[in-house]
Amino acid sequence: MEAIVPAFLLAILTQLGERPATLTAILADRFRRPILVALAAGLGHAIGNFLAAAASLAMAPRMTPNAQALFLAVALIFGGLAALWPAKPPQRLDRWRLGAFLTPLLGVAILAFGGQTQFFTLALSLRGLPWLAAAGATLGAFAVAFVATVLGERAWRALPLGRLRIGTGALFLIAGAYIGLGAVRLL
């Protein structure tokens, strides 16, 4: 639970205002198969999150607990700063003719690759239980993708995602500063 719950919550907070969820809503409307699109998007997120967890296996043995905490603080601060900028709308992938499963799978995997959720997964994985951190992040990202597909593009874009991003960004900045100060023993 130490890795899965924080990863789940960070993924939900991060994905709510990000482009993969919007792309998922767009593709659900296009293909009219929301469950299949949501599952494919969840698998696309899983690919990146499990790659981040695998990368942590090489990094974690070389890092002290304070360095691991500092890495998490940096991830939170960068995530907070990124959340303060509006997300550009994703490409609609109109020319992709791969079907209702492969289009969202590849589109979300490519769009989310190296994104905030994977950075958080890597940071949490460094502290232990990388596969649970990846599973938690994947479940959180899937939950947001599922809601986006059920709502569809119009209803998804009608949500106050901009304000949510600002609130999430502020929360990430505060948490990152607190963890960072603790990691360098200033708290």
Protein backbone atom coordinates (compact mmCIF):
# COMPACT_ATOMS: atom_id res chain seq x y z
CA MET A 1 0.00 0.00 0.00
CA GLU A 2 2.95 2.30 0.59
CA ALA A 3 3.60 2.59 -3.15
CA ILE A 4 0.26 1.81 -4.81
CA VAL A 5 -1.93 4.45 -3.12
CA PRO A 6 0.38 7.46 -3.62
CA ALA A 7 1.00 6.42 -7.23
CA PHE A 8 -2.75 6.03 -7.80
CA LEU A 9 -3.52 9.46 -6.33
CA LEU A 10 -0.68 11.22 -8.15
CA ALA A 11 -1.77 9.66 -11.45
CA ILE A 12 -5.36 10.79 -10.98
CA LEU A 13 -4.35 14.33 -10.06
CA THR A 14 -1.88 14.53 -12.91
CA GLN A 15 -4.00 12.96 -15.63
CA LEU A 16 -7.12 15.03 -14.99
CA GLY A 17 -5.71 18.00 -16.82
CA GLU A 18 -3.37 16.26 -19.24
CA ARG A 19 -3.57 15.58 -22.95
CA PRO A 20 -3.86 11.75 -22.84
CA ALA A 21 -7.27 12.00 -21.15
CA THR A 22 -8.49 14.50 -23.73
CA LEU A 23 -7.22 12.27 -26.54
CA THR A 24 -9.04 9.33 -24.97
CA ALA A 25 -12.30 11.30 -24.91
CA ILE A 26 -11.80 12.31 -28.56
CA LEU A 27 -11.14 8.72 -29.64
CA ALA A 28 -14.08 7.36 -27.64
CA ASP A 29 -16.39 9.69 -29.58
CA ARG A 30 -14.73 8.81 -32.86
CA PHE A 31 -14.87 5.03 -32.48
CA ARG A 32 -18.04 4.87 -30.33
CA ARG A 33 -16.52 2.08 -28.26
CA PRO A 34 -15.69 3.81 -24.96
CA ILE A 35 -14.83 0.70 -22.94
CA LEU A 36 -12.43 -0.62 -25.58
CA VAL A 37 -10.83 2.82 -25.97
CA ALA A 38 -10.46 3.17 -22.18
CA LEU A 39 -8.85 -0.28 -21.91
CA ALA A 40 -6.45 0.51 -24.75
CA ALA A 41 -5.56 3.86 -23.13
CA GLY A 42 -4.99 2.11 -19.81
CA LEU A 43 -2.65 -0.35 -21.50
CA GLY A 44 -0.85 2.56 -23.18
CA HIS A 45 -0.30 4.11 -19.75
CA ALA A 46 0.79 0.74 -18.34
CA ILE A 47 3.59 0.46 -20.89
CA GLY A 48 5.17 3.72 -19.79
CA ASN A 49 4.61 3.20 -16.07
CA PHE A 50 6.13 -0.26 -16.08
CA LEU A 51 9.11 1.03 -18.07
CA ALA A 52 9.58 3.70 -15.37
CA ALA A 53 9.41 1.03 -12.67
CA ALA A 54 11.97 -1.07 -14.53
CA ALA A 55 14.30 1.94 -14.78
CA SER A 56 14.06 2.39 -11.02
CA LEU A 57 15.53 -1.07 -10.48
CA ALA A 58 18.81 0.14 -11.96
CA MET A 59 18.77 3.50 -10.18
CA ALA A 60 17.54 2.66 -6.67
CA PRO A 61 20.58 0.69 -5.43
CA ARG A 62 22.82 3.66 -6.20
CA MET A 63 20.73 6.21 -4.29
CA THR A 64 20.56 6.99 -0.59
CA PRO A 65 17.14 7.45 1.05
CA ASN A 66 17.70 11.22 1.10
CA ALA A 67 18.55 11.20 -2.61
CA GLN A 68 15.40 9.20 -3.31
CA ALA A 69 13.32 11.72 -1.33
CA LEU A 70 14.99 14.58 -3.18
CA PHE A 71 14.18 12.90 -6.51
CA LEU A 72 10.52 12.71 -5.46
CA ALA A 73 10.63 16.39 -4.44
CA VAL A 74 12.06 17.36 -7.83
CA ALA A 75 9.38 15.29 -9.59
CA LEU A 76 6.67 17.06 -7.58
CA ILE A 77 8.12 20.50 -8.21
CA PHE A 78 8.47 19.91 -11.95
CA GLY A 79 4.96 18.43 -12.00
CA GLY A 80 3.65 21.47 -10.17
CA LEU A 81 5.35 23.88 -12.56
CA ALA A 82 4.09 21.95 -15.59
CA ALA A 83 0.54 22.00 -14.22
CA LEU A 84 0.59 25.80 -14.10
CA TRP A 85 0.85 25.97 -17.92
CA PRO A 86 -2.23 25.16 -19.93
CA ALA A 87 -2.10 21.86 -21.76
CA LYS A 88 -2.09 22.11 -25.54
CA PRO A 89 -4.89 20.16 -27.19
CA PRO A 90 -3.71 16.80 -28.51
CA GLN A 91 -3.72 15.92 -32.17
CA ARG A 92 -6.94 14.17 -33.05
CA LEU A 93 -5.17 11.31 -34.90
CA ASP A 94 -7.75 11.51 -37.71
CA ARG A 95 -5.34 9.97 -40.21
CA TRP A 96 -4.58 6.97 -38.03
CA ARG A 97 -6.51 4.01 -39.37
CA LEU A 98 -5.46 1.44 -36.80
CA GLY A 99 -8.88 0.79 -35.28
CA ALA A 100 -10.55 1.31 -31.93
CA PHE A 101 -7.87 -0.54 -29.96
CA LEU A 102 -4.52 0.22 -31.57
CA THR A 103 -5.14 3.93 -32.17
CA PRO A 104 -5.73 4.78 -28.48
CA LEU A 105 -3.11 2.28 -27.32
CA LEU A 106 -0.33 3.75 -29.45
CA GLY A 107 -1.62 7.33 -29.30
CA VAL A 108 -1.76 7.41 -25.50
CA ALA A 109 1.50 5.49 -25.10
CA ILE A 110 3.31 7.99 -27.33
CA LEU A 111 1.61 11.05 -25.86
CA ALA A 112 2.19 9.98 -22.25
CA PHE A 113 5.77 8.75 -22.78
CA GLY A 114 8.09 10.66 -20.46
CA GLY A 115 5.19 12.57 -18.92
CA GLN A 116 4.56 13.59 -15.34
CA THR A 117 2.81 10.37 -14.34
CA GLN A 118 5.81 8.29 -15.41
CA PHE A 119 8.18 10.68 -13.64
CA PHE A 120 6.13 10.23 -10.44
CA THR A 121 6.10 6.46 -10.96
CA LEU A 122 9.89 6.46 -11.27
CA ALA A 123 10.28 8.63 -8.16
CA LEU A 124 7.95 6.45 -6.07
CA SER A 125 9.51 3.26 -7.44
CA LEU A 126 12.93 4.34 -6.20
CA ARG A 127 11.64 4.15 -2.65
CA GLY A 128 10.63 0.50 -3.04
CA LEU A 129 7.94 -1.75 -4.53
CA PRO A 130 8.33 -0.52 -8.11
CA TRP A 131 5.75 -2.87 -9.59
CA LEU A 132 3.11 -1.72 -7.12
CA ALA A 133 3.92 1.91 -7.91
CA ALA A 134 3.52 1.16 -11.62
CA ALA A 135 0.25 -0.68 -10.98
CA GLY A 136 -1.10 2.18 -8.87
CA ALA A 137 -0.17 4.80 -11.47
CA THR A 138 -1.68 2.69 -14.23
CA LEU A 139 -4.93 2.23 -12.31
CA GLY A 140 -5.14 5.96 -11.61
CA ALA A 141 -4.49 6.86 -15.24
CA PHE A 142 -7.01 4.23 -16.37
CA ALA A 143 -9.64 5.65 -13.99
CA VAL A 144 -9.27 9.09 -15.57
CA ALA A 145 -9.26 7.62 -19.08
CA PHE A 146 -12.42 5.67 -18.28
CA VAL A 147 -14.24 8.78 -17.06
CA ALA A 148 -13.06 10.71 -20.12
CA THR A 149 -14.39 8.03 -22.48
CA VAL A 150 -17.73 7.82 -20.72
CA LEU A 151 -18.17 11.61 -20.75
CA GLY A 152 -16.95 12.10 -24.30
CA GLU A 153 -15.05 15.05 -25.69
CA ARG A 154 -17.65 17.79 -25.23
CA ALA A 155 -18.45 16.98 -21.60
CA TRP A 156 -14.77 16.34 -20.78
CA ARG A 157 -13.72 19.73 -22.13
CA ALA A 158 -16.59 21.38 -20.22
CA LEU A 159 -15.05 20.35 -16.89
CA PRO A 160 -13.05 23.06 -15.07
CA LEU A 161 -9.77 21.33 -15.86
CA GLY A 162 -7.77 24.58 -16.00
CA ARG A 163 -8.64 25.47 -12.40
CA LEU A 164 -8.00 21.90 -11.36
CA ARG A 165 -4.53 22.03 -12.96
CA ILE A 166 -3.70 25.21 -11.05
CA GLY A 167 -4.86 23.71 -7.76
CA THR A 168 -2.96 20.50 -8.42
CA GLY A 169 0.12 22.47 -9.42
CA ALA A 170 0.05 24.44 -6.17
CA LEU A 171 -0.40 21.24 -4.17
CA PHE A 172 2.53 19.57 -5.96
CA LEU A 173 4.76 22.61 -5.41
CA ILE A 174 4.01 22.72 -1.68
CA ALA A 175 4.49 18.95 -1.26
CA GLY A 176 7.69 19.03 -3.31
CA ALA A 177 9.13 21.90 -1.28
CA TYR A 178 8.27 20.15 2.00
CA ILE A 179 9.77 16.80 0.93
CA GLY A 180 12.79 18.53 -0.60
CA LEU A 181 13.52 20.52 2.54
CA GLY A 182 13.26 17.32 4.57
CA ALA A 183 15.59 15.50 2.16
CA VAL A 184 18.31 18.11 2.60
CA ARG A 185 17.61 18.14 6.37
CA LEU A 186 16.33 21.68 6.61
CA LEU A 187 13.08 20.55 8.28
